[in-house]
Protein backbone atom coordinates (compact mmCIF):
# COMPACT_ATOMS: atom_id res chain seq x y z
CA UNK A 1 22.06 14.30 -8.38
CA UNK A 2 19.75 13.62 -5.63
CA UNK A 3 16.60 13.88 -7.70
CA UNK A 4 17.67 11.96 -9.90
CA UNK A 5 18.61 8.82 -7.10
CA UNK A 6 14.89 9.09 -5.79
CA UNK A 7 13.36 9.14 -9.11
CA UNK A 8 15.25 5.88 -9.91
CA UNK A 9 14.51 4.02 -6.11
CA UNK A 10 10.72 4.71 -7.66
CA UNK A 11 10.80 2.59 -10.63
CA UNK A 12 10.12 -0.97 -8.69
CA UNK A 13 6.98 -1.24 -7.50
CA UNK A 14 7.63 -4.95 -6.38
CA UNK A 15 10.60 -6.33 -4.96
CA UNK A 16 13.80 -7.82 -7.17
CA UNK A 17 16.67 -5.89 -8.72
CA UNK A 18 16.25 -3.76 -11.77
CA UNK A 19 18.83 -2.69 -13.68
CA UNK A 20 18.56 0.72 -15.08
CA UNK A 21 20.65 2.80 -17.83
CA UNK A 22 21.55 5.93 -16.89
CA UNK A 23 20.93 9.04 -19.17
CA UNK A 24 24.20 9.51 -20.81
CA UNK A 25 26.04 5.91 -20.00
CA UNK A 26 26.61 3.85 -17.41
CA UNK A 27 24.00 1.75 -15.16
CA UNK A 28 22.58 1.57 -11.74
CA UNK A 29 20.86 -1.69 -10.29
CA UNK A 30 18.20 -0.90 -8.02
CA UNK A 31 17.26 -4.00 -5.17
CA UNK A 32 14.25 -3.10 -4.03
CA UNK A 33 12.75 -5.19 -0.44
CA UNK A 34 8.62 -4.09 -0.14
CA UNK A 35 7.23 -6.31 3.12
CA UNK A 36 3.68 -5.58 4.11
CA UNK A 37 1.86 -6.55 7.37
CA UNK A 38 -1.87 -6.61 8.06
CA UNK A 39 -1.78 -5.86 11.42
CA UNK A 40 -0.71 -3.21 12.91
CA UNK A 41 -1.07 -2.22 9.26
CA UNK A 42 2.70 -1.62 8.62
CA UNK A 43 4.90 -1.50 5.30
CA UNK A 44 8.51 -1.44 4.86
CA UNK A 45 10.89 -0.58 2.27
CA UNK A 46 14.57 -0.51 1.41
CA UNK A 47 15.94 0.22 -2.03
CA UNK A 48 19.42 0.00 -2.33
CA UNK A 49 21.26 1.49 -5.72
CA UNK A 50 24.73 0.18 -6.44
CA UNK A 51 26.13 2.46 -9.17
CA UNK A 52 28.75 1.73 -11.76
CA UNK A 53 29.95 4.57 -14.22
CA UNK A 54 26.69 6.12 -14.30
CA UNK A 55 26.61 9.55 -15.97
CA UNK A 56 23.10 11.14 -15.00
CA UNK A 57 23.16 13.12 -18.06
CA UNK A 58 22.08 16.80 -16.87
CA UNK A 59 25.60 17.66 -16.26
CA UNK A 60 29.12 16.97 -16.27
CA UNK A 61 29.47 14.63 -13.39
CA UNK A 62 30.06 10.91 -13.47
CA UNK A 63 29.71 8.60 -10.58
CA UNK A 64 32.20 5.92 -10.72
CA UNK A 65 30.82 3.62 -8.37
CA UNK A 66 28.19 4.31 -5.42
CA UNK A 67 25.79 3.00 -2.76
CA UNK A 68 22.31 4.58 -1.79
CA UNK A 69 20.30 3.37 0.46
CA UNK A 70 16.77 4.63 1.27
CA UNK A 71 14.46 2.76 3.90
CA UNK A 72 11.13 3.82 5.15
CA UNK A 73 8.41 2.50 7.50
CA UNK A 74 4.64 3.44 7.28
CA UNK A 75 2.59 2.21 9.73
CA UNK A 76 -1.57 2.51 9.96
CA UNK A 77 -3.10 3.08 13.79
CA UNK A 78 -6.41 1.85 13.57
CA UNK A 79 -8.02 2.76 16.90
CA UNK A 80 -6.16 6.47 16.40
CA UNK A 81 -6.69 6.92 13.03
CA UNK A 82 -3.62 7.85 11.97
CA UNK A 83 -0.49 7.04 10.26
CA UNK A 84 3.47 7.37 10.48
CA UNK A 85 6.09 7.58 8.21
CA UNK A 86 9.85 7.13 9.05
CA UNK A 87 12.22 7.60 6.34
CA UNK A 88 16.15 8.00 5.59
CA UNK A 89 18.70 7.95 2.98
CA UNK A 90 22.45 6.38 3.39
CA UNK A 91 24.96 7.13 0.93
CA UNK A 92 28.40 6.31 -0.32
CA UNK A 93 30.12 7.35 -3.75
CA UNK A 94 32.88 8.83 -5.84
CA UNK A 95 32.32 11.07 -8.73
CA UNK A 96 34.31 12.44 -11.43
CA UNK A 97 34.16 16.18 -13.31
CA UNK A 98 34.58 16.53 -16.96
CA UNK A 99 36.22 17.97 -18.49
CA UNK A 100 39.39 18.55 -15.89
CA UNK A 101 38.07 15.15 -14.46
CA UNK A 102 38.66 16.13 -10.67
CA UNK A 103 37.89 13.26 -8.81
CA UNK A 104 35.37 13.51 -5.41
CA UNK A 105 34.10 11.06 -3.06
CA UNK A 106 31.63 11.35 -0.36
CA UNK A 107 31.66 8.84 2.54
CA UNK A 108 28.93 7.53 4.61
CA UNK A 109 29.42 10.09 7.61
CA UNK A 110 28.77 12.77 5.07
CA UNK A 111 25.40 12.21 4.56
CA UNK A 112 22.28 12.16 7.02
CA UNK A 113 18.89 12.46 5.73
CA UNK A 114 15.93 11.71 8.11
CA UNK A 115 12.20 12.44 8.99
CA UNK A 116 9.05 11.50 10.74
CA UNK A 117 5.89 12.34 9.10
CA UNK A 118 2.37 12.28 10.70
CA UNK A 119 -0.79 12.21 9.03
CA UNK A 120 -4.41 11.25 9.24
CA UNK A 121 -5.56 7.76 7.85
CA UNK A 122 -7.03 9.18 4.79
CA UNK A 123 -4.73 12.21 4.21
CA UNK A 124 -1.56 13.09 2.72
CA UNK A 125 1.65 13.53 4.23
CA UNK A 126 3.45 16.78 3.96
CA UNK A 127 6.39 18.49 4.63
CA UNK A 128 10.03 17.12 3.67
CA UNK A 129 13.02 15.56 4.52
CA UNK A 130 15.92 18.13 5.69
CA UNK A 131 19.32 16.96 6.40
CA UNK A 132 22.97 16.76 4.57
CA UNK A 133 23.62 15.29 1.12
CA UNK A 134 27.65 14.94 1.19
CA UNK A 135 27.42 17.86 3.71
CA UNK A 136 24.97 20.07 1.32
CA UNK A 137 21.81 21.02 2.86
CA UNK A 138 18.77 19.42 0.94
CA UNK A 139 15.48 18.90 1.21
CA UNK A 140 13.13 15.92 -0.32
CA UNK A 141 9.31 16.30 -0.24
CA UNK A 142 8.03 13.54 1.73
CA UNK A 143 5.49 12.97 -1.25
CA UNK A 144 8.32 11.91 -3.38
CA UNK A 145 10.09 9.69 -0.95
CA UNK A 146 9.76 6.15 -2.08
CA UNK A 147 7.48 4.22 0.18
CA UNK A 148 5.13 6.60 0.64
CA UNK A 149 2.44 4.53 0.29
CA UNK A 150 -1.25 5.21 1.20
CA UNK A 151 -3.24 2.69 2.89
């Protein structure tokens, strides 16, 4: 589920609101807010995903309602020739599992994913964001996180 949401957040290339169909029904609205500054070479981004009856298609799970926010801050320092990338995920949602139609919920306090990475100006960030997604341990490769820009 988390990898599908990361993929969805990576679709918009520009600020704005976009609606994407879920694989097996329902939709998700992605609102991207991307801002860049020339000095000190900073790019910040926030991708908010609002979900309504989204069936992801690879399991029997339907996300009935949900909110996911991916945030990032990417700063290049010319004098030290380094970049710093800070990223985090916030989430709350309810989902149902078919065929028994059992319902589950994941409140804001049950998801805590973040990471801070440093690299040279011409080097890729490496590693993963580690944390909890609905109290389950997860990793997101920093290379796939929304807003992993190069300067």
